[in-house]
């Protein structure tokens, strides 16, 4: 199978994420898209990030019964700090018959040469790149291993959603309904970063 890997902290998963995942699963040659929930990034402040398993639960709620998209906690099991190249190496060992593709925004492609072992990563995986406002993808955009996909341009960020919830704004239409219900029920993101 040809699997697209869509990495993110998904804090929370929102309709922008799901539109990209849905588009790539239906309009490219991928058999499945795996949403890889990243554990806490040592470079990011911990206080704004929900527990790993709470974020995984929201991704599973967002996906529902779609067989072409699945949530994975594969990175939870790997040593930290973890890099994408380590995840890819592990996945190739676990699933030798699968081909893996990295799904990323044009902004990530611009900084891709800063990633650990980026050249090896590009040898092992194609990159499917979706458009991002104010980003042209940089010098790797025309690399033979890079495929630009014409996914809808969605300007929605998890940080905007978190801040809006803190400010008591109703953002239910920016999240899958099941995710919004869970966020409300659990009172996620209602307090400022210092109280999380």
N, C-alpha and C. Protein backbone atom coordinates (compact mmCIF):
# COMPACT_ATOMS: atom_id res chain seq x y z
N UNK A 1 0.84 -1.21 0.00
CA UNK A 1 0.00 0.00 0.00
C UNK A 1 0.87 1.26 0.00
N UNK A 2 0.34 2.29 -0.60
CA UNK A 2 1.01 3.58 -0.59
C UNK A 2 0.33 4.45 0.46
N UNK A 3 1.08 4.80 1.48
CA UNK A 3 0.53 5.48 2.66
C UNK A 3 1.06 6.90 2.74
N UNK A 4 0.15 7.86 2.88
CA UNK A 4 0.56 9.24 3.12
C UNK A 4 0.61 9.50 4.61
N UNK A 5 1.69 10.09 5.08
CA UNK A 5 1.87 10.40 6.50
C UNK A 5 1.69 11.90 6.70
N UNK A 6 0.69 12.25 7.49
CA UNK A 6 0.38 13.65 7.77
C UNK A 6 0.66 13.87 9.25
N UNK A 7 1.80 14.50 9.54
CA UNK A 7 2.25 14.70 10.92
C UNK A 7 1.65 15.97 11.51
N UNK A 8 1.39 15.95 12.80
CA UNK A 8 0.94 17.17 13.45
C UNK A 8 0.73 16.95 14.93
N UNK A 9 0.70 18.07 15.67
CA UNK A 9 0.35 17.95 17.09
C UNK A 9 -1.17 17.86 17.24
N UNK A 10 -1.91 18.36 16.23
CA UNK A 10 -3.38 18.27 16.23
C UNK A 10 -3.94 18.71 17.58
N UNK A 11 -3.66 19.98 17.91
CA UNK A 11 -3.94 20.51 19.25
C UNK A 11 -4.84 21.74 19.18
N UNK A 12 -6.12 21.61 18.76
CA UNK A 12 -6.83 20.38 18.41
C UNK A 12 -6.84 20.14 16.90
N UNK A 13 -7.23 18.93 16.52
CA UNK A 13 -7.48 18.64 15.11
C UNK A 13 -8.67 19.49 14.68
N UNK A 14 -8.59 20.11 13.50
CA UNK A 14 -9.68 20.99 13.05
C UNK A 14 -10.05 20.68 11.60
N UNK A 15 -11.03 21.42 11.08
CA UNK A 15 -11.52 21.13 9.74
C UNK A 15 -10.47 21.35 8.67
N UNK A 16 -9.54 22.25 8.90
CA UNK A 16 -8.44 22.45 7.94
C UNK A 16 -7.63 21.17 7.77
N UNK A 17 -7.26 20.55 8.89
CA UNK A 17 -6.53 19.27 8.83
C UNK A 17 -7.33 18.22 8.06
N UNK A 18 -8.62 18.14 8.38
CA UNK A 18 -9.46 17.08 7.81
C UNK A 18 -9.73 17.31 6.33
N UNK A 19 -9.82 18.57 5.91
CA UNK A 19 -9.99 18.87 4.49
C UNK A 19 -8.76 18.40 3.71
N UNK A 20 -7.57 18.70 4.23
CA UNK A 20 -6.32 18.25 3.57
C UNK A 20 -6.27 16.72 3.53
N UNK A 21 -6.51 16.08 4.68
CA UNK A 21 -6.44 14.62 4.75
C UNK A 21 -7.45 13.99 3.79
N UNK A 22 -8.67 14.53 3.78
CA UNK A 22 -9.72 14.01 2.91
C UNK A 22 -9.38 14.20 1.44
N UNK A 23 -8.87 15.37 1.10
CA UNK A 23 -8.50 15.65 -0.29
C UNK A 23 -7.41 14.69 -0.77
N UNK A 24 -6.35 14.57 0.04
CA UNK A 24 -5.21 13.74 -0.36
C UNK A 24 -5.62 12.27 -0.46
N UNK A 25 -6.53 11.83 0.43
CA UNK A 25 -6.95 10.42 0.40
C UNK A 25 -7.82 10.11 -0.82
N UNK A 26 -8.52 11.11 -1.34
CA UNK A 26 -9.45 10.88 -2.46
C UNK A 26 -8.92 11.30 -3.83
N UNK A 27 -8.02 12.27 -3.87
CA UNK A 27 -7.64 12.86 -5.15
C UNK A 27 -6.17 12.64 -5.52
N UNK A 28 -5.50 11.72 -4.83
CA UNK A 28 -4.13 11.33 -5.22
C UNK A 28 -4.11 9.81 -5.32
N UNK A 29 -2.92 9.29 -5.58
CA UNK A 29 -2.78 7.84 -5.74
C UNK A 29 -2.56 7.10 -4.42
N UNK A 30 -2.75 7.78 -3.30
CA UNK A 30 -2.53 7.14 -2.00
C UNK A 30 -3.66 6.17 -1.67
N UNK A 31 -3.30 5.05 -1.05
CA UNK A 31 -4.31 4.08 -0.60
C UNK A 31 -4.91 4.49 0.74
N UNK A 32 -4.06 5.07 1.59
CA UNK A 32 -4.52 5.53 2.91
C UNK A 32 -3.72 6.76 3.32
N UNK A 33 -4.32 7.54 4.22
CA UNK A 33 -3.61 8.64 4.87
C UNK A 33 -3.61 8.36 6.36
N UNK A 34 -2.42 8.40 6.95
CA UNK A 34 -2.28 8.20 8.40
C UNK A 34 -1.99 9.55 9.04
N UNK A 35 -2.83 9.95 10.00
CA UNK A 35 -2.57 11.16 10.77
C UNK A 35 -1.67 10.76 11.93
N UNK A 36 -0.43 11.22 11.87
CA UNK A 36 0.58 10.84 12.87
C UNK A 36 0.57 11.90 13.97
N UNK A 37 0.00 11.53 15.11
CA UNK A 37 -0.07 12.48 16.23
C UNK A 37 1.30 12.54 16.90
N UNK A 38 1.90 13.73 16.83
CA UNK A 38 3.25 13.89 17.37
C UNK A 38 3.19 14.11 18.87
N UNK A 39 4.06 13.43 19.61
CA UNK A 39 4.15 13.73 21.05
C UNK A 39 4.74 15.11 21.26
N UNK A 40 4.81 15.52 22.48
CA UNK A 40 5.31 16.87 22.77
C UNK A 40 6.66 17.11 22.12
N UNK A 41 6.75 18.19 21.35
CA UNK A 41 8.00 18.61 20.72
C UNK A 41 8.83 19.35 21.77
N UNK A 42 10.06 18.89 22.01
CA UNK A 42 10.88 19.54 23.05
C UNK A 42 11.12 21.02 22.77
N UNK A 43 10.95 21.45 21.52
CA UNK A 43 11.20 22.84 21.18
C UNK A 43 9.98 23.73 21.40
N UNK A 44 8.85 23.13 21.73
CA UNK A 44 7.63 23.92 21.93
C UNK A 44 7.27 23.97 23.41
N UNK A 45 6.65 25.07 23.86
CA UNK A 45 6.25 25.13 25.27
C UNK A 45 5.16 24.08 25.55
N UNK A 46 5.38 23.32 26.61
CA UNK A 46 4.49 22.19 26.93
C UNK A 46 3.12 22.66 27.39
N UNK A 47 3.05 23.83 28.03
CA UNK A 47 1.82 24.19 28.73
C UNK A 47 0.61 24.37 27.80
N UNK A 48 0.84 24.61 26.51
CA UNK A 48 -0.30 24.81 25.61
C UNK A 48 -0.74 23.50 24.96
N UNK A 49 -0.02 22.41 25.23
CA UNK A 49 -0.29 21.16 24.53
C UNK A 49 -1.07 20.20 25.41
N UNK A 50 -2.19 19.71 24.89
CA UNK A 50 -2.96 18.70 25.63
C UNK A 50 -2.18 17.40 25.70
N UNK A 51 -2.56 16.56 26.63
CA UNK A 51 -2.02 15.21 26.76
C UNK A 51 -2.03 14.50 25.40
N UNK A 52 -0.98 13.72 25.13
CA UNK A 52 -0.85 13.02 23.85
C UNK A 52 -2.10 12.20 23.52
N UNK A 53 -2.60 11.46 24.51
CA UNK A 53 -3.73 10.55 24.24
C UNK A 53 -5.06 11.29 24.08
N UNK A 54 -5.16 12.47 24.67
CA UNK A 54 -6.37 13.28 24.45
C UNK A 54 -6.39 13.80 23.01
N UNK A 55 -5.23 14.19 22.51
CA UNK A 55 -5.15 14.66 21.12
C UNK A 55 -5.39 13.51 20.15
N UNK A 56 -4.88 12.33 20.47
CA UNK A 56 -5.12 11.14 19.64
C UNK A 56 -6.62 10.82 19.62
N UNK A 57 -7.26 10.91 20.78
CA UNK A 57 -8.71 10.62 20.87
C UNK A 57 -9.49 11.58 19.97
N UNK A 58 -9.10 12.86 19.95
CA UNK A 58 -9.80 13.84 19.11
C UNK A 58 -9.62 13.52 17.63
N UNK A 59 -8.41 13.09 17.25
CA UNK A 59 -8.16 12.73 15.84
C UNK A 59 -9.04 11.54 15.45
N UNK A 60 -9.15 10.56 16.35
CA UNK A 60 -9.99 9.39 16.06
C UNK A 60 -11.46 9.81 15.92
N UNK A 61 -11.91 10.73 16.76
CA UNK A 61 -13.28 11.24 16.66
C UNK A 61 -13.48 11.94 15.32
N UNK A 62 -12.49 12.74 14.92
CA UNK A 62 -12.59 13.50 13.67
C UNK A 62 -12.69 12.57 12.46
N UNK A 63 -11.95 11.48 12.48
CA UNK A 63 -11.92 10.54 11.35
C UNK A 63 -13.22 9.75 11.27
N UNK A 64 -13.75 9.35 12.41
CA UNK A 64 -14.97 8.54 12.41
C UNK A 64 -14.74 7.20 11.73
N UNK A 65 -15.62 6.83 10.80
CA UNK A 65 -15.52 5.50 10.18
C UNK A 65 -14.90 5.52 8.78
N UNK A 66 -14.14 6.56 8.46
CA UNK A 66 -13.49 6.65 7.15
C UNK A 66 -12.34 5.64 7.08
N UNK A 67 -12.46 4.67 6.19
CA UNK A 67 -11.46 3.60 6.11
C UNK A 67 -10.16 4.03 5.43
N UNK A 68 -10.21 5.17 4.73
CA UNK A 68 -9.01 5.61 4.01
C UNK A 68 -8.12 6.51 4.87
N UNK A 69 -8.61 6.89 6.04
CA UNK A 69 -7.82 7.75 6.94
C UNK A 69 -7.76 7.08 8.29
N UNK A 70 -6.57 7.05 8.88
CA UNK A 70 -6.47 6.48 10.23
C UNK A 70 -5.54 7.29 11.11
N UNK A 71 -5.75 7.19 12.40
CA UNK A 71 -4.91 7.88 13.38
C UNK A 71 -3.84 6.90 13.85
N UNK A 72 -2.65 7.41 14.07
CA UNK A 72 -1.61 6.53 14.62
C UNK A 72 -0.81 7.24 15.72
N UNK A 73 -0.48 6.44 16.74
CA UNK A 73 0.33 6.95 17.86
C UNK A 73 1.76 6.41 17.76
N UNK A 74 2.17 6.07 16.55
CA UNK A 74 3.47 5.42 16.33
C UNK A 74 4.62 6.19 16.99
N UNK A 75 4.55 7.53 16.99
CA UNK A 75 5.65 8.31 17.54
C UNK A 75 5.67 8.31 19.07
N UNK A 76 4.55 7.93 19.70
CA UNK A 76 4.52 7.89 21.16
C UNK A 76 5.52 6.86 21.68
N UNK A 77 5.77 5.82 20.88
CA UNK A 77 6.59 4.70 21.33
C UNK A 77 8.09 4.91 21.06
N UNK A 78 8.43 5.94 20.31
CA UNK A 78 9.82 6.14 19.90
C UNK A 78 10.56 7.03 20.90
N UNK A 79 11.89 6.85 20.99
CA UNK A 79 12.66 7.67 21.92
C UNK A 79 12.55 9.16 21.58
N UNK A 80 12.65 9.99 22.61
CA UNK A 80 12.56 11.43 22.40
C UNK A 80 13.92 12.08 22.66
N UNK A 81 14.27 13.17 21.98
CA UNK A 81 13.46 13.80 20.93
C UNK A 81 13.44 12.93 19.68
N UNK A 82 12.32 12.94 19.01
CA UNK A 82 12.15 12.11 17.82
C UNK A 82 12.17 12.97 16.56
N UNK A 83 12.78 12.44 15.53
CA UNK A 83 12.84 13.13 14.25
C UNK A 83 12.11 12.31 13.19
N UNK A 84 11.63 12.98 12.15
CA UNK A 84 10.86 12.30 11.11
C UNK A 84 11.64 11.14 10.51
N UNK A 85 12.94 11.30 10.33
CA UNK A 85 13.75 10.22 9.74
C UNK A 85 13.69 8.97 10.62
N UNK A 86 13.64 9.14 11.95
CA UNK A 86 13.54 7.99 12.86
C UNK A 86 12.20 7.28 12.70
N UNK A 87 11.15 8.08 12.55
CA UNK A 87 9.80 7.50 12.36
C UNK A 87 9.74 6.72 11.06
N UNK A 88 10.29 7.29 9.99
CA UNK A 88 10.27 6.62 8.68
C UNK A 88 11.07 5.32 8.73
N UNK A 89 12.22 5.35 9.37
CA UNK A 89 13.05 4.14 9.51
C UNK A 89 12.26 3.06 10.24
N UNK A 90 11.60 3.45 11.33
CA UNK A 90 10.81 2.51 12.13
C UNK A 90 9.65 1.94 11.31
N UNK A 91 8.96 2.81 10.58
CA UNK A 91 7.82 2.35 9.76
C UNK A 91 8.26 1.39 8.66
N UNK A 92 9.40 1.66 8.05
CA UNK A 92 9.90 0.75 7.02
C UNK A 92 10.23 -0.63 7.60
N UNK A 93 10.71 -0.64 8.85
CA UNK A 93 10.99 -1.93 9.52
C UNK A 93 9.69 -2.67 9.84
N UNK A 94 8.68 -1.92 10.32
CA UNK A 94 7.42 -2.53 10.73
C UNK A 94 6.54 -2.94 9.54
N UNK A 95 6.60 -2.15 8.48
CA UNK A 95 5.71 -2.37 7.31
C UNK A 95 6.54 -2.37 6.02
N UNK A 96 7.37 -3.41 5.83
CA UNK A 96 8.29 -3.40 4.70
C UNK A 96 7.61 -3.39 3.33
N UNK A 97 6.35 -3.80 3.27
CA UNK A 97 5.66 -3.85 1.97
C UNK A 97 4.99 -2.51 1.61
N UNK A 98 4.94 -1.57 2.56
CA UNK A 98 4.30 -0.28 2.30
C UNK A 98 5.31 0.73 1.73
N UNK A 99 4.79 1.65 0.94
CA UNK A 99 5.56 2.82 0.49
C UNK A 99 5.00 4.02 1.25
N UNK A 100 5.89 4.85 1.78
CA UNK A 100 5.44 6.00 2.57
C UNK A 100 5.74 7.32 1.87
N UNK A 101 4.79 8.22 1.98
CA UNK A 101 4.86 9.56 1.39
C UNK A 101 4.65 10.56 2.52
N UNK A 102 5.41 11.64 2.53
CA UNK A 102 5.20 12.69 3.53
C UNK A 102 4.27 13.76 2.96
N UNK A 103 3.25 14.11 3.71
CA UNK A 103 2.32 15.17 3.32
C UNK A 103 2.68 16.41 4.13
N UNK A 104 2.91 17.52 3.44
CA UNK A 104 3.29 18.74 4.17
C UNK A 104 2.85 19.98 3.41
N UNK A 105 2.79 21.07 4.13
CA UNK A 105 2.48 22.35 3.52
C UNK A 105 3.71 22.95 2.85
N UNK A 106 3.47 23.87 1.92
CA UNK A 106 4.58 24.51 1.20
C UNK A 106 5.53 25.23 2.16
N UNK A 107 5.01 25.70 3.30
CA UNK A 107 5.87 26.38 4.28
C UNK A 107 6.88 25.40 4.88
N UNK A 108 6.45 24.15 5.12
CA UNK A 108 7.39 23.15 5.64
C UNK A 108 8.43 22.77 4.60
N UNK A 109 8.02 22.73 3.34
CA UNK A 109 8.99 22.42 2.28
C UNK A 109 10.08 23.47 2.21
N UNK A 110 9.71 24.72 2.46
CA UNK A 110 10.69 25.81 2.43
C UNK A 110 11.81 25.57 3.45
N UNK A 111 11.46 25.01 4.60
CA UNK A 111 12.47 24.80 5.66
C UNK A 111 12.96 23.35 5.71
N UNK A 112 12.61 22.56 4.70
CA UNK A 112 12.89 21.12 4.73
C UNK A 112 14.38 20.81 4.85
N UNK A 113 15.22 21.66 4.27
CA UNK A 113 16.67 21.40 4.32
C UNK A 113 17.25 21.54 5.73
N UNK A 114 16.44 22.05 6.67
CA UNK A 114 16.87 22.15 8.07
C UNK A 114 16.53 20.88 8.84
N UNK A 115 15.75 19.98 8.24
CA UNK A 115 15.35 18.75 8.93
C UNK A 115 16.54 17.81 9.04
N UNK A 116 16.54 17.01 10.07
CA UNK A 116 17.61 16.03 10.26
C UNK A 116 17.59 15.02 9.10
N UNK A 117 18.77 14.82 8.48
CA UNK A 117 18.93 13.85 7.39
C UNK A 117 17.92 14.06 6.27
N UNK A 118 17.70 15.31 5.90
CA UNK A 118 16.67 15.62 4.90
C UNK A 118 16.92 14.93 3.57
N UNK A 119 18.19 14.79 3.19
CA UNK A 119 18.49 14.16 1.89
C UNK A 119 18.10 12.68 1.89
N UNK A 120 18.38 12.01 3.00
CA UNK A 120 18.01 10.60 3.14
C UNK A 120 16.48 10.46 3.15
N UNK A 121 15.83 11.39 3.82
CA UNK A 121 14.36 11.39 3.89
C UNK A 121 13.76 11.51 2.49
N UNK A 122 14.34 12.38 1.69
CA UNK A 122 13.85 12.60 0.32
C UNK A 122 14.12 11.38 -0.56
N UNK A 123 15.19 10.66 -0.28
CA UNK A 123 15.46 9.41 -1.01
C UNK A 123 14.41 8.35 -0.68
N UNK A 124 14.01 8.31 0.59
CA UNK A 124 13.11 7.26 1.06
C UNK A 124 11.63 7.56 0.82
N UNK A 125 11.28 8.84 0.73
CA UNK A 125 9.86 9.22 0.62
C UNK A 125 9.67 10.31 -0.41
N UNK A 126 8.57 10.18 -1.17
CA UNK A 126 8.12 11.32 -1.95
C UNK A 126 7.48 12.33 -0.99
N UNK A 127 7.44 13.58 -1.40
CA UNK A 127 6.76 14.61 -0.61
C UNK A 127 5.56 15.10 -1.40
N UNK A 128 4.36 15.04 -0.80
CA UNK A 128 3.16 15.60 -1.40
C UNK A 128 2.90 16.92 -0.69
N UNK A 129 2.99 18.00 -1.44
CA UNK A 129 2.98 19.34 -0.84
C UNK A 129 1.69 20.08 -1.21
N UNK A 130 1.00 20.58 -0.18
CA UNK A 130 -0.22 21.35 -0.41
C UNK A 130 0.07 22.84 -0.24
N UNK A 131 -0.70 23.70 -0.91
CA UNK A 131 -0.40 25.14 -0.89
C UNK A 131 -0.64 25.77 0.48
N UNK A 132 0.20 26.74 0.78
CA UNK A 132 0.01 27.58 1.97
C UNK A 132 0.14 29.03 1.53
N UNK A 133 -0.70 29.87 2.08
CA UNK A 133 -0.67 31.29 1.75
C UNK A 133 0.71 31.86 2.10
N UNK A 134 1.22 32.71 1.24
CA UNK A 134 2.50 33.40 1.47
C UNK A 134 3.68 32.44 1.55
N UNK A 135 3.59 31.32 0.86
CA UNK A 135 4.73 30.40 0.80
C UNK A 135 4.78 29.78 -0.59
N UNK A 136 5.95 29.89 -1.24
CA UNK A 136 6.06 29.33 -2.60
C UNK A 136 6.73 27.96 -2.61
N UNK A 137 7.07 27.44 -1.41
CA UNK A 137 7.68 26.11 -1.34
C UNK A 137 9.20 26.12 -1.43
N UNK A 138 9.77 27.23 -1.88
CA UNK A 138 11.23 27.33 -1.92
C UNK A 138 11.87 26.52 -3.04
N UNK A 139 13.17 26.31 -2.90
CA UNK A 139 13.97 25.73 -4.00
C UNK A 139 13.69 24.26 -4.26
N UNK A 140 13.09 23.55 -3.31
CA UNK A 140 12.83 22.11 -3.53
C UNK A 140 11.50 21.85 -4.26
N UNK A 141 10.76 22.91 -4.54
CA UNK A 141 9.43 22.73 -5.12
C UNK A 141 9.45 21.92 -6.42
N UNK A 142 10.52 22.06 -7.20
CA UNK A 142 10.58 21.37 -8.50
C UNK A 142 11.46 20.13 -8.46
N UNK A 143 11.79 19.67 -7.26
CA UNK A 143 12.56 18.43 -7.10
C UNK A 143 11.73 17.26 -7.63
N UNK A 144 12.35 16.28 -8.31
CA UNK A 144 11.58 15.16 -8.86
C UNK A 144 10.81 14.32 -7.83
N UNK A 145 11.21 14.40 -6.55
CA UNK A 145 10.52 13.64 -5.50
C UNK A 145 9.41 14.44 -4.84
N UNK A 146 9.21 15.67 -5.30
CA UNK A 146 8.18 16.55 -4.73
C UNK A 146 7.01 16.65 -5.70
N UNK A 147 5.81 16.39 -5.19
CA UNK A 147 4.61 16.46 -6.01
C UNK A 147 3.69 17.51 -5.37
N UNK A 148 3.36 18.53 -6.14
CA UNK A 148 2.47 19.58 -5.64
C UNK A 148 1.03 19.11 -5.84
N UNK A 149 0.24 19.15 -4.78
CA UNK A 149 -1.16 18.73 -4.88
C UNK A 149 -2.05 19.95 -4.73
N UNK A 150 -3.10 19.96 -5.49
CA UNK A 150 -3.95 21.14 -5.60
C UNK A 150 -5.07 21.13 -4.55
N UNK A 151 -4.69 20.87 -3.31
CA UNK A 151 -5.68 20.82 -2.22
C UNK A 151 -6.21 22.23 -1.95
N UNK A 152 -7.44 22.32 -1.41
CA UNK A 152 -7.99 23.65 -1.09
C UNK A 152 -7.09 24.40 -0.10
N UNK A 153 -7.00 25.68 -0.28
CA UNK A 153 -6.22 26.53 0.61
C UNK A 153 -7.09 26.90 1.81
N UNK A 154 -6.77 26.36 2.97
CA UNK A 154 -7.57 26.61 4.17
C UNK A 154 -6.72 27.35 5.19
N UNK A 155 -7.12 28.57 5.51
CA UNK A 155 -6.37 29.35 6.49
C UNK A 155 -7.03 29.20 7.86
N UNK A 156 -6.62 28.18 8.57
CA UNK A 156 -7.19 27.92 9.89
C UNK A 156 -6.08 27.32 10.73
N UNK A 157 -5.88 27.84 11.92
CA UNK A 157 -4.80 27.30 12.75
C UNK A 157 -5.33 26.86 14.12
N UNK A 158 -4.67 25.86 14.66
CA UNK A 158 -5.04 25.36 15.99
C UNK A 158 -4.81 26.44 17.05
N UNK A 159 -3.76 27.25 16.87
CA UNK A 159 -3.49 28.30 17.87
C UNK A 159 -4.62 29.33 17.87
N UNK A 160 -5.16 29.66 16.68
CA UNK A 160 -6.30 30.58 16.60
C UNK A 160 -7.51 29.99 17.32
N UNK A 161 -7.74 28.70 17.13
CA UNK A 161 -8.89 28.03 17.77
C UNK A 161 -8.72 28.02 19.29
N UNK A 162 -7.52 27.69 19.76
CA UNK A 162 -7.27 27.67 21.21
C UNK A 162 -7.50 29.05 21.82
N UNK A 163 -6.96 30.07 21.14
CA UNK A 163 -7.10 31.43 21.65
C UNK A 163 -8.57 31.87 21.65
N UNK A 164 -9.28 31.48 20.61
CA UNK A 164 -10.70 31.84 20.51
C UNK A 164 -11.51 31.19 21.64
N UNK A 165 -11.22 29.94 21.92
CA UNK A 165 -11.92 29.24 23.02
C UNK A 165 -11.62 29.92 24.36
N UNK A 166 -10.34 30.30 24.56
CA UNK A 166 -9.97 31.02 25.79
C UNK A 166 -10.76 32.31 25.92
N UNK A 167 -11.04 32.94 24.75
CA UNK A 167 -11.77 34.21 24.75
C UNK A 167 -13.29 34.01 24.63
N UNK A 168 -13.72 32.77 24.92
CA UNK A 168 -15.14 32.42 24.96
C UNK A 168 -15.86 32.64 23.63
N UNK A 169 -15.16 32.41 22.54
CA UNK A 169 -15.77 32.48 21.20
C UNK A 169 -16.28 31.09 20.81
N UNK A 170 -17.38 31.08 20.09
CA UNK A 170 -17.97 29.83 19.62
C UNK A 170 -17.33 29.48 18.27
N UNK A 171 -16.46 28.49 18.26
CA UNK A 171 -15.76 28.09 17.02
C UNK A 171 -16.19 26.70 16.57
N UNK A 172 -17.41 26.31 16.92
CA UNK A 172 -17.87 24.95 16.63
C UNK A 172 -17.78 24.59 15.15
N UNK A 173 -17.94 25.57 14.26
CA UNK A 173 -17.95 25.24 12.83
C UNK A 173 -16.54 25.11 12.24
N UNK A 174 -15.53 25.34 13.06
CA UNK A 174 -14.15 25.18 12.61
C UNK A 174 -13.60 23.79 12.94
N UNK A 175 -14.37 23.03 13.72
CA UNK A 175 -13.94 21.69 14.17
C UNK A 175 -14.97 20.66 13.74
N UNK A 176 -14.53 19.41 13.49
CA UNK A 176 -15.54 18.36 13.32
C UNK A 176 -16.47 18.36 14.54
N UNK A 177 -17.74 18.12 14.31
CA UNK A 177 -18.74 18.24 15.38
C UNK A 177 -18.39 17.39 16.60
N UNK A 178 -17.93 16.16 16.37
CA UNK A 178 -17.59 15.26 17.48
C UNK A 178 -16.42 15.81 18.30
N UNK A 179 -15.49 16.49 17.61
CA UNK A 179 -14.33 17.08 18.30
C UNK A 179 -14.78 18.28 19.13
N UNK A 180 -15.62 19.12 18.55
CA UNK A 180 -16.14 20.27 19.30
C UNK A 180 -16.87 19.81 20.56
N UNK A 181 -17.70 18.78 20.43
CA UNK A 181 -18.45 18.26 21.58
C UNK A 181 -17.49 17.79 22.68
N UNK A 182 -16.41 17.12 22.28
CA UNK A 182 -15.42 16.60 23.24
C UNK A 182 -14.67 17.76 23.92
N UNK A 183 -14.27 18.74 23.12
CA UNK A 183 -13.56 19.91 23.66
C UNK A 183 -14.44 20.63 24.68
N UNK A 184 -15.72 20.79 24.35
CA UNK A 184 -16.65 21.46 25.28
C UNK A 184 -16.85 20.65 26.56
N UNK A 185 -17.07 19.36 26.37
CA UNK A 185 -17.32 18.48 27.51
C UNK A 185 -16.13 18.45 28.48
N UNK A 186 -14.91 18.45 27.92
CA UNK A 186 -13.70 18.36 28.73
C UNK A 186 -13.17 19.74 29.17
N UNK A 187 -13.80 20.80 28.67
CA UNK A 187 -13.37 22.18 28.98
C UNK A 187 -11.93 22.44 28.56
N UNK A 188 -11.53 21.84 27.42
CA UNK A 188 -10.18 22.06 26.91
C UNK A 188 -10.00 23.50 26.46
N UNK A 189 -8.80 24.02 26.67
CA UNK A 189 -8.34 25.32 26.15
C UNK A 189 -9.05 26.53 26.76
N UNK A 190 -9.86 26.32 27.78
CA UNK A 190 -10.61 27.45 28.32
C UNK A 190 -9.74 28.40 29.15
N UNK A 191 -8.69 27.85 29.75
CA UNK A 191 -7.83 28.67 30.58
C UNK A 191 -6.59 29.10 29.78
N UNK A 192 -5.92 30.12 30.28
CA UNK A 192 -4.70 30.61 29.63
C UNK A 192 -3.58 29.59 29.75
N UNK A 193 -2.50 29.78 28.96
CA UNK A 193 -1.39 28.84 28.93
C UNK A 193 -0.80 28.55 30.31
N UNK A 194 -0.74 29.55 31.19
CA UNK A 194 -0.11 29.36 32.49
C UNK A 194 -0.93 28.43 33.39
N UNK A 195 -2.23 28.26 33.08
CA UNK A 195 -3.08 27.44 33.93
C UNK A 195 -3.37 26.07 33.35
N UNK A 196 -2.93 25.82 32.12
CA UNK A 196 -3.25 24.53 31.45
C UNK A 196 -2.61 23.37 32.15
